[in-house]
Amino acid sequence: MSKTVVHVLRHGEVHNPDGILYGRLPGFRLSELGVQMAKAAAQGLADREVVHVVASPLERAQQTAEPVAAQFGLPVGVDERLIESANWFEGKKVSPGDGSFRDPRNWWVLRDPVTPSWGEAYRVIAERMFAALHAARVAAEGREAVLVSHQLPIWTLRRHVERKRLWHDPRRRQCGLASLTTFHFDGAKVVGIGYSEPAAHLVAMSPTGRTAKGA
């Protein structure tokens, strides 16, 4: 059986001066630091045998994919299944400690943390991301692929593959900006999962760090 590797890359820092949860909203592009993060991620993959690059349709993911694809002379494909998860709070200012989650007007939206009630179901996210992962495996069979997506979809995919419950504490996600979650396949079976942060030195300079909104 062929051994294939699929790297799932989270995009870099986004320019978001108003601090809103941008989710799927258009127009949110990488900051200058985020562009450097994308380049660092590309450099971290320079010695790999990448033959396939696909990204979420959102601008920040497409931008993050560009330096990766360029160094291998590849186009950037688009896969809608890699898009950020839908969220009821999209377009709103929401951050830990700001009182949003204690506001009685939001309690009905927050009633079910398991599904969750405020956004796209974890199960649906897992299914679409798992399908995108296997499509990339097939496209790069015997070599390597890079998918560019967003924090919650990537973390949900990892938990799904690891057969863990999908609902979780967002503060415990291991999925930093411009990080790589790497799936190793033997044939169609995942035989290992790795994690690396090629842009960690730049993430340390970011005021948002791991808590980027709508990531």
N, C-alpha and C. Protein backbone atom coordinates (compact mmCIF):
# COMPACT_ATOMS: atom_id res chain seq x y z
N MET A 1 0.84 -1.20 0.00
CA MET A 1 0.00 0.00 0.00
C MET A 1 0.88 1.25 0.00
N SER A 2 0.39 2.31 -0.65
CA SER A 2 1.17 3.53 -0.75
C SER A 2 1.08 4.34 0.53
N LYS A 3 2.15 5.05 0.83
CA LYS A 3 2.21 5.91 2.01
C LYS A 3 2.06 7.36 1.54
N THR A 4 1.05 8.03 2.05
CA THR A 4 0.73 9.39 1.65
C THR A 4 0.66 10.28 2.89
N VAL A 5 1.04 11.53 2.71
CA VAL A 5 1.00 12.49 3.82
C VAL A 5 0.14 13.69 3.42
N VAL A 6 -0.76 14.07 4.29
CA VAL A 6 -1.59 15.27 4.06
C VAL A 6 -1.37 16.23 5.23
N HIS A 7 -0.83 17.40 4.92
CA HIS A 7 -0.62 18.45 5.92
C HIS A 7 -1.82 19.39 5.89
N VAL A 8 -2.42 19.63 7.04
CA VAL A 8 -3.54 20.57 7.13
C VAL A 8 -3.03 21.82 7.85
N LEU A 9 -2.94 22.89 7.10
CA LEU A 9 -2.33 24.14 7.55
C LEU A 9 -3.40 25.16 7.96
N ARG A 10 -3.25 25.69 9.16
CA ARG A 10 -4.14 26.79 9.56
C ARG A 10 -3.57 28.10 8.98
N HIS A 11 -4.43 29.00 8.57
CA HIS A 11 -3.97 30.26 7.99
C HIS A 11 -3.23 31.11 9.03
N GLY A 12 -2.56 32.16 8.54
CA GLY A 12 -1.83 33.08 9.42
C GLY A 12 -2.73 34.14 10.04
N GLU A 13 -2.11 35.04 10.77
CA GLU A 13 -2.84 36.11 11.46
C GLU A 13 -3.62 36.98 10.47
N VAL A 14 -4.81 37.38 10.88
CA VAL A 14 -5.71 38.18 10.04
C VAL A 14 -5.74 39.63 10.52
N HIS A 15 -5.84 40.55 9.58
CA HIS A 15 -6.00 41.98 9.92
C HIS A 15 -7.44 42.19 10.39
N ASN A 16 -7.60 42.46 11.67
CA ASN A 16 -8.93 42.55 12.26
C ASN A 16 -8.93 43.63 13.34
N PRO A 17 -8.74 44.89 12.94
CA PRO A 17 -8.59 45.98 13.92
C PRO A 17 -9.80 46.19 14.81
N ASP A 18 -11.00 45.79 14.36
CA ASP A 18 -12.20 46.00 15.16
C ASP A 18 -12.48 44.83 16.11
N GLY A 19 -11.70 43.76 16.00
CA GLY A 19 -11.83 42.65 16.92
C GLY A 19 -13.15 41.92 16.86
N ILE A 20 -13.68 41.74 15.65
CA ILE A 20 -14.94 41.01 15.54
C ILE A 20 -14.69 39.54 15.22
N LEU A 21 -15.69 38.72 15.45
CA LEU A 21 -15.62 37.33 15.05
C LEU A 21 -16.00 37.29 13.57
N TYR A 22 -15.00 37.16 12.70
CA TYR A 22 -15.24 37.35 11.27
C TYR A 22 -15.75 36.11 10.56
N GLY A 23 -15.51 34.93 11.10
CA GLY A 23 -16.09 33.71 10.53
C GLY A 23 -15.93 33.59 9.03
N ARG A 24 -17.05 33.54 8.33
CA ARG A 24 -17.05 33.39 6.87
C ARG A 24 -17.20 34.72 6.13
N LEU A 25 -17.16 35.82 6.85
CA LEU A 25 -17.34 37.12 6.21
C LEU A 25 -16.22 37.38 5.19
N PRO A 26 -16.56 37.97 4.06
CA PRO A 26 -15.53 38.28 3.06
C PRO A 26 -14.70 39.50 3.47
N GLY A 27 -13.54 39.64 2.87
CA GLY A 27 -12.74 40.84 3.05
C GLY A 27 -11.73 40.78 4.18
N PHE A 28 -11.67 39.68 4.90
CA PHE A 28 -10.70 39.55 5.99
C PHE A 28 -9.45 38.84 5.47
N ARG A 29 -8.40 39.65 5.26
CA ARG A 29 -7.16 39.16 4.69
C ARG A 29 -6.06 39.07 5.75
N LEU A 30 -4.97 38.47 5.40
CA LEU A 30 -3.85 38.35 6.32
C LEU A 30 -3.27 39.73 6.65
N SER A 31 -2.81 39.88 7.87
CA SER A 31 -2.06 41.07 8.26
C SER A 31 -0.65 40.92 7.68
N GLU A 32 0.17 41.96 7.82
CA GLU A 32 1.55 41.86 7.36
C GLU A 32 2.28 40.73 8.07
N LEU A 33 2.01 40.59 9.38
CA LEU A 33 2.62 39.49 10.13
C LEU A 33 2.08 38.15 9.65
N GLY A 34 0.79 38.12 9.32
CA GLY A 34 0.19 36.89 8.81
C GLY A 34 0.81 36.43 7.50
N VAL A 35 1.17 37.38 6.64
CA VAL A 35 1.84 37.05 5.38
C VAL A 35 3.19 36.40 5.68
N GLN A 36 3.90 36.93 6.68
CA GLN A 36 5.18 36.34 7.06
C GLN A 36 4.99 34.94 7.64
N MET A 37 3.90 34.74 8.36
CA MET A 37 3.60 33.41 8.90
C MET A 37 3.38 32.41 7.77
N ALA A 38 2.67 32.84 6.73
CA ALA A 38 2.42 31.96 5.57
C ALA A 38 3.73 31.57 4.91
N LYS A 39 4.64 32.52 4.79
CA LYS A 39 5.94 32.24 4.19
C LYS A 39 6.75 31.28 5.06
N ALA A 40 6.66 31.44 6.38
CA ALA A 40 7.36 30.55 7.30
C ALA A 40 6.82 29.12 7.19
N ALA A 41 5.50 29.01 7.05
CA ALA A 41 4.89 27.69 6.89
C ALA A 41 5.37 27.04 5.60
N ALA A 42 5.45 27.83 4.54
CA ALA A 42 5.95 27.31 3.26
C ALA A 42 7.39 26.83 3.40
N GLN A 43 8.21 27.60 4.10
CA GLN A 43 9.60 27.20 4.30
C GLN A 43 9.70 25.91 5.10
N GLY A 44 8.76 25.73 6.03
CA GLY A 44 8.74 24.52 6.83
C GLY A 44 8.41 23.28 6.02
N LEU A 45 7.84 23.49 4.83
CA LEU A 45 7.48 22.36 3.95
C LEU A 45 8.42 22.22 2.76
N ALA A 46 9.46 23.03 2.72
CA ALA A 46 10.32 23.13 1.53
C ALA A 46 10.94 21.81 1.11
N ASP A 47 11.25 20.94 2.06
CA ASP A 47 11.92 19.68 1.72
C ASP A 47 10.95 18.52 1.56
N ARG A 48 9.66 18.83 1.50
CA ARG A 48 8.63 17.79 1.36
C ARG A 48 8.30 17.55 -0.11
N GLU A 49 7.63 16.46 -0.38
CA GLU A 49 7.27 16.12 -1.76
C GLU A 49 5.80 16.48 -2.01
N VAL A 50 5.51 17.77 -1.97
CA VAL A 50 4.14 18.26 -2.11
C VAL A 50 3.76 18.34 -3.59
N VAL A 51 2.64 17.72 -3.93
CA VAL A 51 2.18 17.72 -5.33
C VAL A 51 0.75 18.25 -5.46
N HIS A 52 0.14 18.65 -4.35
CA HIS A 52 -1.28 19.04 -4.38
C HIS A 52 -1.51 20.06 -3.27
N VAL A 53 -2.05 21.25 -3.62
CA VAL A 53 -2.34 22.30 -2.64
C VAL A 53 -3.77 22.78 -2.85
N VAL A 54 -4.56 22.73 -1.79
CA VAL A 54 -5.96 23.14 -1.85
C VAL A 54 -6.28 23.96 -0.61
N ALA A 55 -7.14 24.97 -0.76
CA ALA A 55 -7.47 25.83 0.37
C ALA A 55 -8.96 26.12 0.45
N SER A 56 -9.37 26.52 1.63
CA SER A 56 -10.70 27.10 1.85
C SER A 56 -10.87 28.28 0.90
N PRO A 57 -12.09 28.59 0.49
CA PRO A 57 -12.29 29.74 -0.41
C PRO A 57 -12.09 31.10 0.23
N LEU A 58 -12.00 31.17 1.54
CA LEU A 58 -11.86 32.46 2.21
C LEU A 58 -10.47 33.07 1.95
N GLU A 59 -10.43 34.41 1.85
CA GLU A 59 -9.21 35.11 1.44
C GLU A 59 -7.99 34.73 2.27
N ARG A 60 -8.15 34.66 3.58
CA ARG A 60 -7.00 34.40 4.45
C ARG A 60 -6.39 33.02 4.20
N ALA A 61 -7.23 32.05 3.85
CA ALA A 61 -6.72 30.72 3.55
C ALA A 61 -6.04 30.69 2.18
N GLN A 62 -6.65 31.34 1.20
CA GLN A 62 -6.05 31.41 -0.12
C GLN A 62 -4.68 32.09 -0.06
N GLN A 63 -4.58 33.19 0.69
CA GLN A 63 -3.31 33.89 0.83
C GLN A 63 -2.26 33.01 1.50
N THR A 64 -2.66 32.25 2.49
CA THR A 64 -1.73 31.38 3.20
C THR A 64 -1.23 30.26 2.28
N ALA A 65 -2.08 29.81 1.39
CA ALA A 65 -1.70 28.73 0.48
C ALA A 65 -0.74 29.20 -0.61
N GLU A 66 -0.79 30.47 -0.96
CA GLU A 66 -0.03 30.95 -2.13
C GLU A 66 1.47 30.69 -2.05
N PRO A 67 2.18 31.03 -0.96
CA PRO A 67 3.62 30.76 -0.94
C PRO A 67 3.96 29.27 -0.93
N VAL A 68 3.07 28.46 -0.37
CA VAL A 68 3.29 27.01 -0.38
C VAL A 68 3.22 26.51 -1.81
N ALA A 69 2.15 26.88 -2.50
CA ALA A 69 1.98 26.43 -3.89
C ALA A 69 3.09 26.96 -4.79
N ALA A 70 3.47 28.22 -4.59
CA ALA A 70 4.47 28.85 -5.45
C ALA A 70 5.80 28.12 -5.39
N GLN A 71 6.21 27.68 -4.21
CA GLN A 71 7.53 27.07 -4.12
C GLN A 71 7.57 25.67 -4.76
N PHE A 72 6.40 25.10 -4.99
CA PHE A 72 6.35 23.81 -5.67
C PHE A 72 5.85 23.93 -7.11
N GLY A 73 5.59 25.17 -7.54
CA GLY A 73 5.10 25.39 -8.90
C GLY A 73 3.72 24.82 -9.14
N LEU A 74 2.87 24.93 -8.12
CA LEU A 74 1.53 24.34 -8.20
C LEU A 74 0.46 25.43 -8.14
N PRO A 75 -0.72 25.16 -8.69
CA PRO A 75 -1.85 26.08 -8.51
C PRO A 75 -2.47 25.86 -7.14
N VAL A 76 -3.25 26.83 -6.68
CA VAL A 76 -4.00 26.67 -5.43
C VAL A 76 -5.42 26.28 -5.79
N GLY A 77 -5.81 25.09 -5.43
CA GLY A 77 -7.18 24.65 -5.65
C GLY A 77 -8.10 25.18 -4.57
N VAL A 78 -9.39 25.08 -4.79
CA VAL A 78 -10.39 25.52 -3.81
C VAL A 78 -11.28 24.34 -3.46
N ASP A 79 -11.47 24.15 -2.17
CA ASP A 79 -12.39 23.11 -1.70
C ASP A 79 -13.30 23.74 -0.65
N GLU A 80 -14.58 23.87 -0.99
CA GLU A 80 -15.55 24.49 -0.08
C GLU A 80 -15.66 23.74 1.25
N ARG A 81 -15.28 22.47 1.25
CA ARG A 81 -15.38 21.68 2.48
C ARG A 81 -14.38 22.12 3.55
N LEU A 82 -13.39 22.93 3.16
CA LEU A 82 -12.37 23.40 4.09
C LEU A 82 -12.73 24.73 4.74
N ILE A 83 -13.89 25.26 4.43
CA ILE A 83 -14.28 26.60 4.89
C ILE A 83 -14.44 26.64 6.42
N GLU A 84 -14.37 27.87 6.95
CA GLU A 84 -14.60 28.08 8.38
C GLU A 84 -16.01 27.61 8.75
N SER A 85 -16.19 27.22 10.01
CA SER A 85 -17.51 26.79 10.47
C SER A 85 -18.46 27.98 10.57
N ALA A 86 -19.73 27.74 10.34
CA ALA A 86 -20.75 28.77 10.49
C ALA A 86 -20.92 29.07 11.98
N ASN A 87 -21.21 30.34 12.32
CA ASN A 87 -21.32 30.73 13.72
C ASN A 87 -22.34 31.87 13.87
N TRP A 88 -23.24 31.72 14.82
CA TRP A 88 -24.28 32.71 15.05
C TRP A 88 -23.69 34.07 15.42
N PHE A 89 -22.51 34.07 16.07
CA PHE A 89 -21.89 35.31 16.54
C PHE A 89 -21.07 36.01 15.46
N GLU A 90 -21.08 35.48 14.24
CA GLU A 90 -20.31 36.08 13.15
C GLU A 90 -20.67 37.56 12.98
N GLY A 91 -19.64 38.39 12.86
CA GLY A 91 -19.85 39.82 12.68
C GLY A 91 -19.99 40.59 13.98
N LYS A 92 -19.99 39.88 15.11
CA LYS A 92 -20.15 40.52 16.41
C LYS A 92 -18.81 40.56 17.15
N LYS A 93 -18.70 41.49 18.08
CA LYS A 93 -17.52 41.53 18.94
C LYS A 93 -17.74 40.58 20.10
N VAL A 94 -16.98 39.51 20.11
CA VAL A 94 -17.11 38.50 21.15
C VAL A 94 -15.70 38.09 21.56
N SER A 95 -15.43 38.16 22.85
CA SER A 95 -14.13 37.72 23.34
C SER A 95 -14.27 37.28 24.79
N PRO A 96 -13.36 36.41 25.25
CA PRO A 96 -13.42 35.93 26.63
C PRO A 96 -13.41 37.11 27.62
N GLY A 97 -14.36 37.07 28.57
CA GLY A 97 -14.38 38.08 29.60
C GLY A 97 -15.15 39.33 29.25
N ASP A 98 -15.72 39.41 28.03
CA ASP A 98 -16.43 40.64 27.66
C ASP A 98 -17.91 40.61 28.06
N GLY A 99 -18.36 39.51 28.66
CA GLY A 99 -19.73 39.42 29.13
C GLY A 99 -20.72 38.86 28.14
N SER A 100 -20.29 38.61 26.91
CA SER A 100 -21.21 38.12 25.87
C SER A 100 -21.89 36.82 26.27
N PHE A 101 -21.14 35.94 26.92
CA PHE A 101 -21.68 34.62 27.26
C PHE A 101 -22.52 34.64 28.53
N ARG A 102 -22.49 35.77 29.22
CA ARG A 102 -23.35 35.91 30.42
C ARG A 102 -24.57 36.76 30.14
N ASP A 103 -24.65 37.32 28.96
CA ASP A 103 -25.77 38.18 28.57
C ASP A 103 -27.01 37.30 28.36
N PRO A 104 -28.09 37.52 29.13
CA PRO A 104 -29.30 36.70 29.00
C PRO A 104 -29.85 36.65 27.57
N ARG A 105 -29.60 37.67 26.77
CA ARG A 105 -30.09 37.69 25.40
C ARG A 105 -29.43 36.61 24.55
N ASN A 106 -28.29 36.11 24.99
CA ASN A 106 -27.57 35.09 24.23
C ASN A 106 -27.74 33.68 24.78
N TRP A 107 -28.45 33.54 25.89
CA TRP A 107 -28.54 32.24 26.53
C TRP A 107 -29.20 31.18 25.66
N TRP A 108 -30.24 31.56 24.91
CA TRP A 108 -30.91 30.58 24.06
C TRP A 108 -29.95 30.06 23.00
N VAL A 109 -29.14 30.95 22.44
CA VAL A 109 -28.16 30.55 21.42
C VAL A 109 -27.12 29.61 22.01
N LEU A 110 -26.79 29.81 23.30
CA LEU A 110 -25.73 29.04 23.95
C LEU A 110 -26.23 27.81 24.70
N ARG A 111 -27.49 27.45 24.48
CA ARG A 111 -28.13 26.42 25.31
C ARG A 111 -27.51 25.04 25.17
N ASP A 112 -26.87 24.75 24.03
CA ASP A 112 -26.39 23.39 23.78
C ASP A 112 -24.92 23.41 23.32
N PRO A 113 -23.98 23.17 24.23
CA PRO A 113 -22.56 23.20 23.86
C PRO A 113 -22.09 21.93 23.14
N VAL A 114 -22.92 20.91 23.12
CA VAL A 114 -22.50 19.63 22.54
C VAL A 114 -22.70 19.60 21.03
N THR A 115 -23.77 20.23 20.53
CA THR A 115 -24.05 20.15 19.08
C THR A 115 -23.09 20.96 18.22
N PRO A 116 -22.84 22.26 18.38
CA PRO A 116 -23.37 23.20 19.37
C PRO A 116 -24.53 24.01 18.79
N SER A 117 -25.29 24.65 19.66
CA SER A 117 -26.48 25.39 19.22
C SER A 117 -26.15 26.71 18.54
N TRP A 118 -24.94 27.23 18.73
CA TRP A 118 -24.60 28.54 18.17
C TRP A 118 -23.95 28.48 16.80
N GLY A 119 -23.80 27.28 16.25
CA GLY A 119 -23.14 27.22 14.94
C GLY A 119 -23.29 25.88 14.26
N GLU A 120 -22.48 25.68 13.24
CA GLU A 120 -22.49 24.44 12.48
C GLU A 120 -22.20 23.26 13.40
N ALA A 121 -22.92 22.19 13.23
CA ALA A 121 -22.75 21.01 14.08
C ALA A 121 -21.35 20.42 13.91
N TYR A 122 -20.73 20.06 15.04
CA TYR A 122 -19.40 19.44 14.98
C TYR A 122 -19.40 18.22 14.06
N ARG A 123 -20.47 17.46 14.09
CA ARG A 123 -20.56 16.26 13.25
C ARG A 123 -20.47 16.62 11.77
N VAL A 124 -21.14 17.69 11.38
CA VAL A 124 -21.13 18.12 9.98
C VAL A 124 -19.73 18.62 9.59
N ILE A 125 -19.10 19.38 10.50
CA ILE A 125 -17.74 19.85 10.24
C ILE A 125 -16.81 18.67 10.05
N ALA A 126 -16.90 17.69 10.94
CA ALA A 126 -16.04 16.51 10.86
C ALA A 126 -16.22 15.76 9.55
N GLU A 127 -17.47 15.59 9.14
CA GLU A 127 -17.74 14.84 7.92
C GLU A 127 -17.18 15.52 6.68
N ARG A 128 -17.35 16.84 6.59
CA ARG A 128 -16.87 17.53 5.38
C ARG A 128 -15.34 17.61 5.38
N MET A 129 -14.73 17.82 6.53
CA MET A 129 -13.28 17.89 6.60
C MET A 129 -12.65 16.52 6.34
N PHE A 130 -13.27 15.47 6.83
CA PHE A 130 -12.76 14.11 6.61
C PHE A 130 -12.83 13.76 5.13
N ALA A 131 -13.90 14.19 4.47
CA ALA A 131 -14.03 13.95 3.03
C ALA A 131 -12.96 14.72 2.26
N ALA A 132 -12.69 15.96 2.66
CA ALA A 132 -11.65 16.76 2.00
C ALA A 132 -10.27 16.15 2.23
N LEU A 133 -10.05 15.63 3.42
CA LEU A 133 -8.77 14.98 3.74
C LEU A 133 -8.52 13.80 2.83
N HIS A 134 -9.55 12.96 2.65
CA HIS A 134 -9.38 11.77 1.81
C HIS A 134 -9.29 12.12 0.33
N ALA A 135 -9.97 13.17 -0.09
CA ALA A 135 -9.84 13.61 -1.48
C ALA A 135 -8.41 14.04 -1.76
N ALA A 136 -7.79 14.72 -0.80
CA ALA A 136 -6.40 15.14 -0.96
C ALA A 136 -5.46 13.93 -0.95
N ARG A 137 -5.76 12.96 -0.11
CA ARG A 137 -4.95 11.73 -0.09
C ARG A 137 -4.95 11.05 -1.44
N VAL A 138 -6.11 10.97 -2.04
CA VAL A 138 -6.23 10.33 -3.35
C VAL A 138 -5.46 11.13 -4.41
N ALA A 139 -5.59 12.46 -4.36
CA ALA A 139 -4.94 13.32 -5.35
C ALA A 139 -3.42 13.26 -5.26
N ALA A 140 -2.90 13.02 -4.06
CA ALA A 140 -1.44 13.02 -3.86
C ALA A 140 -0.91 11.63 -3.54
N GLU A 141 -1.61 10.61 -3.91
CA GLU A 141 -1.26 9.24 -3.51
C GLU A 141 0.23 8.93 -3.69
N GLY A 142 0.83 8.48 -2.60
CA GLY A 142 2.24 8.13 -2.62
C GLY A 142 3.16 9.31 -2.37
N ARG A 143 2.59 10.52 -2.32
CA ARG A 143 3.40 11.72 -2.08
C ARG A 143 2.70 12.59 -1.02
N GLU A 144 2.71 13.91 -1.17
CA GLU A 144 2.17 14.75 -0.10
C GLU A 144 1.26 15.86 -0.62
N ALA A 145 0.30 16.25 0.22
CA ALA A 145 -0.64 17.31 -0.11
C ALA A 145 -0.71 18.30 1.04
N VAL A 146 -1.14 19.53 0.73
CA VAL A 146 -1.35 20.55 1.75
C VAL A 146 -2.77 21.09 1.60
N LEU A 147 -3.51 21.10 2.69
CA LEU A 147 -4.84 21.70 2.75
C LEU A 147 -4.76 22.89 3.69
N VAL A 148 -5.35 24.01 3.32
CA VAL A 148 -5.34 25.19 4.18
C VAL A 148 -6.77 25.45 4.66
N SER A 149 -6.93 25.48 5.98
CA SER A 149 -8.26 25.63 6.56
C SER A 149 -8.19 26.53 7.78
N HIS A 150 -9.07 26.27 8.74
CA HIS A 150 -9.29 27.17 9.88
C HIS A 150 -9.26 26.37 11.18
N GLN A 151 -9.08 27.07 12.29
CA GLN A 151 -8.82 26.39 13.55
C GLN A 151 -9.87 25.35 13.95
N LEU A 152 -11.13 25.76 14.06
CA LEU A 152 -12.15 24.82 14.52
C LEU A 152 -12.32 23.63 13.57
N PRO A 153 -12.41 23.84 12.26
CA PRO A 153 -12.51 22.68 11.37
C PRO A 153 -11.31 21.73 11.49
N ILE A 154 -10.10 22.28 11.61
CA ILE A 154 -8.91 21.43 11.72
C ILE A 154 -8.94 20.63 13.02
N TRP A 155 -9.26 21.30 14.12
CA TRP A 155 -9.27 20.62 15.41
C TRP A 155 -10.39 19.57 15.47
N THR A 156 -11.53 19.89 14.87
CA THR A 156 -12.64 18.93 14.84
C THR A 156 -12.25 17.71 14.02
N LEU A 157 -11.57 17.93 12.89
CA LEU A 157 -11.09 16.82 12.07
C LEU A 157 -10.15 15.93 12.88
N ARG A 158 -9.20 16.54 13.56
CA ARG A 158 -8.25 15.75 14.34
C ARG A 158 -8.95 14.92 15.41
N ARG A 159 -9.88 15.53 16.13
CA ARG A 159 -10.59 14.78 17.17
C ARG A 159 -11.42 13.66 16.57
N HIS A 160 -11.99 13.90 15.39
CA HIS A 160 -12.76 12.86 14.71
C HIS A 160 -11.86 11.67 14.35
N VAL A 161 -10.71 11.95 13.78
CA VAL A 161 -9.79 10.88 13.39
C VAL A 161 -9.26 10.13 14.62
N GLU A 162 -9.06 10.86 15.70
CA GLU A 162 -8.58 10.24 16.94
C GLU A 162 -9.69 9.57 17.73
N ARG A 163 -10.92 9.62 17.20
CA ARG A 163 -12.09 9.00 17.82
C ARG A 163 -12.37 9.56 19.22
N LYS A 164 -12.20 10.86 19.33
CA LYS A 164 -12.52 11.55 20.57
C LYS A 164 -13.85 12.27 20.40
N ARG A 165 -14.49 12.61 21.51
CA ARG A 165 -15.75 13.36 21.41
C ARG A 165 -15.45 14.70 20.74
N LEU A 166 -16.40 15.17 19.95
CA LEU A 166 -16.16 16.37 19.16
C LEU A 166 -16.30 17.66 19.94
N TRP A 167 -17.20 17.70 20.91
CA TRP A 167 -17.32 18.93 21.69
C TRP A 167 -16.13 18.99 22.65
N HIS A 168 -15.66 20.21 22.91
CA HIS A 168 -14.40 20.37 23.62
C HIS A 168 -14.27 21.79 24.17
N ASP A 169 -13.24 22.00 24.97
CA ASP A 169 -12.91 23.33 25.48
C ASP A 169 -12.04 24.04 24.45
N PRO A 170 -12.53 25.14 23.84
CA PRO A 170 -11.74 25.83 22.80
C PRO A 170 -10.37 26.28 23.27
N ARG A 171 -10.22 26.50 24.57
CA ARG A 171 -8.94 26.97 25.09
C ARG A 171 -7.87 25.88 25.04
N ARG A 172 -8.28 24.63 24.82
CA ARG A 172 -7.33 23.52 24.80
C ARG A 172 -6.99 23.02 23.40
N ARG A 173 -7.40 23.77 22.39
CA ARG A 173 -7.08 23.35 21.02
C ARG A 173 -5.59 23.47 20.74
N GLN A 174 -5.03 22.46 20.13
CA GLN A 174 -3.64 22.52 19.67
C GLN A 174 -3.68 22.81 18.18
N CYS A 175 -3.77 24.09 17.86
CA CYS A 175 -3.89 24.49 16.46
C CYS A 175 -3.58 25.98 16.35
N GLY A 176 -2.30 26.32 16.52
CA GLY A 176 -1.87 27.71 16.48
C GLY A 176 -1.91 28.29 15.07
N LEU A 177 -1.74 29.59 14.98
CA LEU A 177 -1.70 30.25 13.67
C LEU A 177 -0.58 29.66 12.83
N ALA A 178 -0.88 29.40 11.56
CA ALA A 178 0.08 28.85 10.59
C ALA A 178 0.70 27.54 11.06
N SER A 179 -0.03 26.78 11.86
CA SER A 179 0.45 25.48 12.31
C SER A 179 0.08 24.39 11.32
N LEU A 180 0.80 23.28 11.42
CA LEU A 180 0.58 22.13 10.55
C LEU A 180 0.12 20.93 11.37
N THR A 181 -1.05 20.42 11.05
CA THR A 181 -1.52 19.15 11.61
C THR A 181 -1.38 18.14 10.47
N THR A 182 -0.52 17.16 10.67
CA THR A 182 -0.11 16.28 9.57
C THR A 182 -0.65 14.86 9.76
N PHE A 183 -1.34 14.37 8.73
CA PHE A 183 -1.93 13.03 8.75
C PHE A 183 -1.10 12.10 7.86
N HIS A 184 -0.65 11.01 8.44
CA HIS A 184 0.15 10.01 7.72
C HIS A 184 -0.75 8.83 7.37
N PHE A 185 -0.79 8.48 6.10
CA PHE A 185 -1.63 7.38 5.61
C PHE A 185 -0.79 6.20 5.14
N ASP A 186 -1.29 5.02 5.42
CA ASP A 186 -0.80 3.79 4.79
C ASP A 186 -2.01 3.26 4.03
N GLY A 187 -1.99 3.45 2.70
CA GLY A 187 -3.19 3.20 1.93
C GLY A 187 -4.23 4.24 2.31
N ALA A 188 -5.43 3.78 2.67
CA ALA A 188 -6.49 4.71 3.06
C ALA A 188 -6.60 4.88 4.57
N LYS A 189 -5.71 4.25 5.31
CA LYS A 189 -5.79 4.27 6.77
C LYS A 189 -4.83 5.30 7.36
N VAL A 190 -5.34 6.11 8.29
CA VAL A 190 -4.48 7.04 9.01
C VAL A 190 -3.68 6.24 10.04
N VAL A 191 -2.36 6.33 9.95
CA VAL A 191 -1.50 5.58 10.86
C VAL A 191 -0.72 6.49 11.82
N GLY A 192 -0.86 7.78 11.64
CA GLY A 192 -0.18 8.69 12.55
C GLY A 192 -0.61 10.13 12.33
N ILE A 193 -0.53 10.93 13.39
CA ILE A 193 -0.85 12.35 13.30
C ILE A 193 0.27 13.14 13.96
N GLY A 194 0.79 14.13 13.25
CA GLY A 194 1.83 14.98 13.79
C GLY A 194 1.39 16.42 13.88
N TYR A 195 2.14 17.22 14.62
CA TYR A 195 1.80 18.63 14.78
C TYR A 195 3.08 19.44 14.87
N SER A 196 3.12 20.57 14.16
CA SER A 196 4.29 21.45 14.22
C SER A 196 3.87 22.90 14.03
N GLU A 197 4.72 23.80 14.48
CA GLU A 197 4.45 25.23 14.38
C GLU A 197 5.64 25.93 13.75
N PRO A 198 5.75 25.89 12.41
CA PRO A 198 6.88 26.51 11.74
C PRO A 198 6.95 28.02 11.87
N ALA A 199 5.84 28.64 12.26
CA ALA A 199 5.81 30.10 12.41
C ALA A 199 5.72 30.51 13.88
N ALA A 200 6.14 29.62 14.79
CA ALA A 200 5.98 29.91 16.22
C ALA A 200 6.67 31.20 16.63
N HIS A 201 7.81 31.51 16.04
CA HIS A 201 8.55 32.72 16.40
C HIS A 201 7.76 33.98 16.01
N LEU A 202 6.94 33.87 14.98
CA LEU A 202 6.10 34.99 14.55
C LEU A 202 4.81 35.06 15.35
N VAL A 203 4.26 33.90 15.67
CA VAL A 203 3.04 33.85 16.49
C VAL A 203 3.30 34.51 17.85
N ALA A 204 4.52 34.36 18.36
CA ALA A 204 4.88 34.97 19.64
C ALA A 204 4.82 36.50 19.58
N MET A 205 4.90 37.04 18.37
CA MET A 205 4.83 38.50 18.18
C MET A 205 3.41 39.00 17.96
N SER A 206 2.47 38.07 17.81
CA SER A 206 1.09 38.43 17.47
C SER A 206 0.28 38.74 18.71
N PRO A 207 -0.46 39.85 18.73
CA PRO A 207 -1.31 40.16 19.89
C PRO A 207 -2.50 39.20 20.02
N THR A 208 -2.87 38.56 18.91
CA THR A 208 -3.99 37.62 18.95
C THR A 208 -3.52 36.21 19.27
N GLY A 209 -2.34 35.85 18.77
CA GLY A 209 -1.79 34.53 19.06
C GLY A 209 -2.75 33.42 18.71
N ARG A 210 -3.04 32.56 19.67
CA ARG A 210 -3.89 31.40 19.43
C ARG A 210 -5.37 31.72 19.53
N THR A 211 -5.70 32.95 19.90
CA THR A 211 -7.11 33.26 20.14
C THR A 211 -7.74 34.07 19.02
N ALA A 212 -7.14 34.04 17.82
CA ALA A 212 -7.67 34.82 16.70
C ALA A 212 -9.14 34.50 16.49
N LYS A 213 -9.95 35.53 16.32
CA LYS A 213 -11.39 35.37 16.20
C LYS A 213 -11.77 34.88 14.80
N GLY A 214 -12.76 33.98 14.74
CA GLY A 214 -13.24 33.50 13.46
C GLY A 214 -12.17 32.74 12.73
N ALA A 215 -11.25 32.15 13.47
CA ALA A 215 -10.02 31.61 12.90
C ALA A 215 -10.20 30.46 11.97
